C-alpha atoms as a PDB file:
ATOM      1  CA  MET A   1      89.301 -10.394  -7.352  1.00  0.00           C
ATOM      2  CA  VAL A   2      87.643  -7.724  -9.516  1.00  0.00           C
ATOM      3  CA  LYS A   3      88.040  -8.307 -13.377  1.00  0.00           C
ATOM      4  CA  GLU A   4      87.239  -5.056 -15.734  1.00  0.00           C
ATOM      5  CA  TYR A   5      85.876  -5.431 -19.343  1.00  0.00           C
ATOM      6  CA  CYS A   6      85.218  -3.061 -21.974  1.00  0.00           C
ATOM      7  CA  ASP A   7      81.847  -1.232 -22.190  1.00  0.00           C
ATOM      8  CA  ILE A   8      82.024  -1.452 -26.343  1.00  0.00           C
ATOM      9  CA  CYS A   9      84.027  -4.234 -27.426  1.00  0.00           C
ATOM     10  CA  GLY A  10      83.501  -6.628 -24.138  1.00  0.00           C
ATOM     11  CA  LYS A  11      87.401  -7.778 -23.630  1.00  0.00           C
ATOM     12  CA  LYS A  12      88.777  -8.180 -20.317  1.00  0.00           C
ATOM     13  CA  ALA A  13      91.782  -5.413 -20.391  1.00  0.00           C
ATOM     14  CA  LYS A  14      93.004  -2.267 -18.383  1.00  0.00           C
ATOM     15  CA  THR A  15      90.073  -0.094 -18.583  1.00  0.00           C
ATOM     16  CA  THR A  16      89.561   3.739 -17.540  1.00  0.00           C
ATOM     17  CA  LYS A  17      86.162   5.003 -16.974  1.00  0.00           C
ATOM     18  CA  TYR A  18      84.438   7.675 -19.709  1.00  0.00           C
ATOM     19  CA  VAL A  19      81.342   9.783 -19.473  1.00  0.00           C
ATOM     20  CA  LEU A  20      79.804   9.401 -22.884  1.00  0.00           C
ATOM     21  CA  PRO A  21      76.569  10.460 -24.105  1.00  0.00           C
ATOM     22  CA  PHE A  22      74.187   7.871 -24.745  1.00  0.00           C
ATOM     23  CA  ARG A  23      70.467   7.854 -26.069  1.00  0.00           C
ATOM     24  CA  TYR A  24      67.828   6.522 -24.562  1.00  0.00           C
ATOM     25  CA  LYS A  25      64.012   5.891 -25.005  1.00  0.00           C
ATOM     26  CA  GLU A  26      61.962   7.950 -22.543  1.00  0.00           C
ATOM     27  CA  LYS A  27      57.767   8.272 -21.924  1.00  0.00           C
ATOM     28  CA  ALA A  28      55.612  10.766 -20.656  1.00  0.00           C
ATOM     29  CA  ASN A  29      52.544   8.892 -18.949  1.00  0.00           C
ATOM     30  CA  ASP A  30      49.062  10.342 -18.005  1.00  0.00           C
ATOM     31  CA  LYS A  31      47.344   9.884 -14.500  1.00  0.00           C
ATOM     32  CA  PHE A  32      46.046   6.544 -15.648  1.00  0.00           C
ATOM     33  CA  ASN A  33      49.940   5.154 -16.764  1.00  0.00           C
ATOM     34  CA  ASN A  34      48.496   5.199 -20.394  1.00  0.00           C
ATOM     35  CA  THR A  35      52.059   6.499 -22.725  1.00  0.00           C
ATOM     36  CA  ILE A  36      50.878   9.955 -24.159  1.00  0.00           C
ATOM     37  CA  LEU A  37      54.420  10.170 -26.282  1.00  0.00           C
ATOM     38  CA  CYS A  38      57.709   8.763 -27.039  1.00  0.00           C
ATOM     39  CA  PHE A  39      60.867  10.810 -27.294  1.00  0.00           C
ATOM     40  CA  ASP A  40      64.755  10.228 -26.971  1.00  0.00           C
ATOM     41  CA  VAL A  41      66.498  12.101 -24.414  1.00  0.00           C
ATOM     42  CA  VAL A  42      70.795  12.002 -24.648  1.00  0.00           C
ATOM     43  CA  LYS A  43      72.300  11.297 -20.878  1.00  0.00           C
ATOM     44  CA  PRO A  44      75.352  11.191 -19.962  1.00  0.00           C
ATOM     45  CA  THR A  45      76.840   7.684 -18.934  1.00  0.00           C
ATOM     46  CA  GLU A  46      79.794   6.201 -17.064  1.00  0.00           C
ATOM     47  CA  VAL A  47      81.574   3.755 -19.257  1.00  0.00           C
ATOM     48  CA  ASP A  48      84.601   1.244 -18.794  1.00  0.00           C
ATOM     49  CA  LEU A  49      86.426   1.721 -22.229  1.00  0.00           C
ATOM     50  CA  CYS A  50      89.847  -0.103 -23.029  1.00  0.00           C
ATOM     51  CA  THR A  51      92.618   1.411 -24.697  1.00  0.00           C
ATOM     52  CA  ASN A  52      91.753   0.469 -28.545  1.00  0.00           C
ATOM     53  CA  CYS A  53      88.152   1.693 -28.003  1.00  0.00           C
ATOM     54  CA  ALA A  54      88.995   5.205 -26.095  1.00  0.00           C
ATOM     55  CA  TRP A  55      91.221   5.825 -29.394  1.00  0.00           C
ATOM     56  CA  ASP A  56      88.604   4.420 -31.774  1.00  0.00           C
ATOM     57  CA  ILE A  57      86.071   7.391 -30.379  1.00  0.00           C
ATOM     58  CA  ASN A  58      88.545   9.720 -30.129  1.00  0.00           C
ATOM     59  CA  SER A  59      89.219   9.112 -34.033  1.00  0.00           C
ATOM     60  CA  LEU A  60      85.592   9.262 -34.656  1.00  0.00           C
ATOM     61  CA  ILE A  61      85.155  12.465 -32.923  1.00  0.00           C
ATOM     62  CA  CYS A  62      87.886  14.641 -34.010  1.00  0.00           C
ATOM     63  CA  TYR A  63      86.784  13.170 -38.100  1.00  0.00           C
ATOM     64  CA  ASP A  64      83.159  14.908 -36.947  1.00  0.00           C
ATOM     65  CA  ILE A  65      84.249  17.839 -35.529  1.00  0.00           C
ATOM     66  CA  LYS A  66      86.953  18.515 -38.300  1.00  0.00           C
ATOM     67  CA  GLN A  67      83.835  17.736 -40.940  1.00  0.00           C
ATOM     68  CA  VAL A  68      81.945  20.252 -39.437  1.00  0.00           C
ATOM     69  CA  LEU A  69      84.575  22.710 -38.891  1.00  0.00           C
ATOM     70  CA  ASP A  70      85.305  22.570 -42.440  1.00  0.00           C
ATOM     71  CA  ARG A  71      81.472  22.525 -43.565  1.00  0.00           C
ATOM     72  CA  ASN A  72      81.534  26.214 -41.532  1.00  0.00           C
ATOM     73  CA  LYS A  73      84.261  27.711 -43.704  1.00  0.00           C
END
């Protein structure tokens, strides 16, 4: 039996797969494997979300978009 857990809150619930942007640290190395540069990259990551966390993320995204649109008026 496969149990599904939300990747955000960790609760056991019915989940749905979403692709969200996550920030990761990357390193640039030289030919001797010495780290030259550290930088952040944003990569799409597949996560399992319960309905509560999906609604929370949706409200955050909608709020941010509304703030940007209001600022551009």
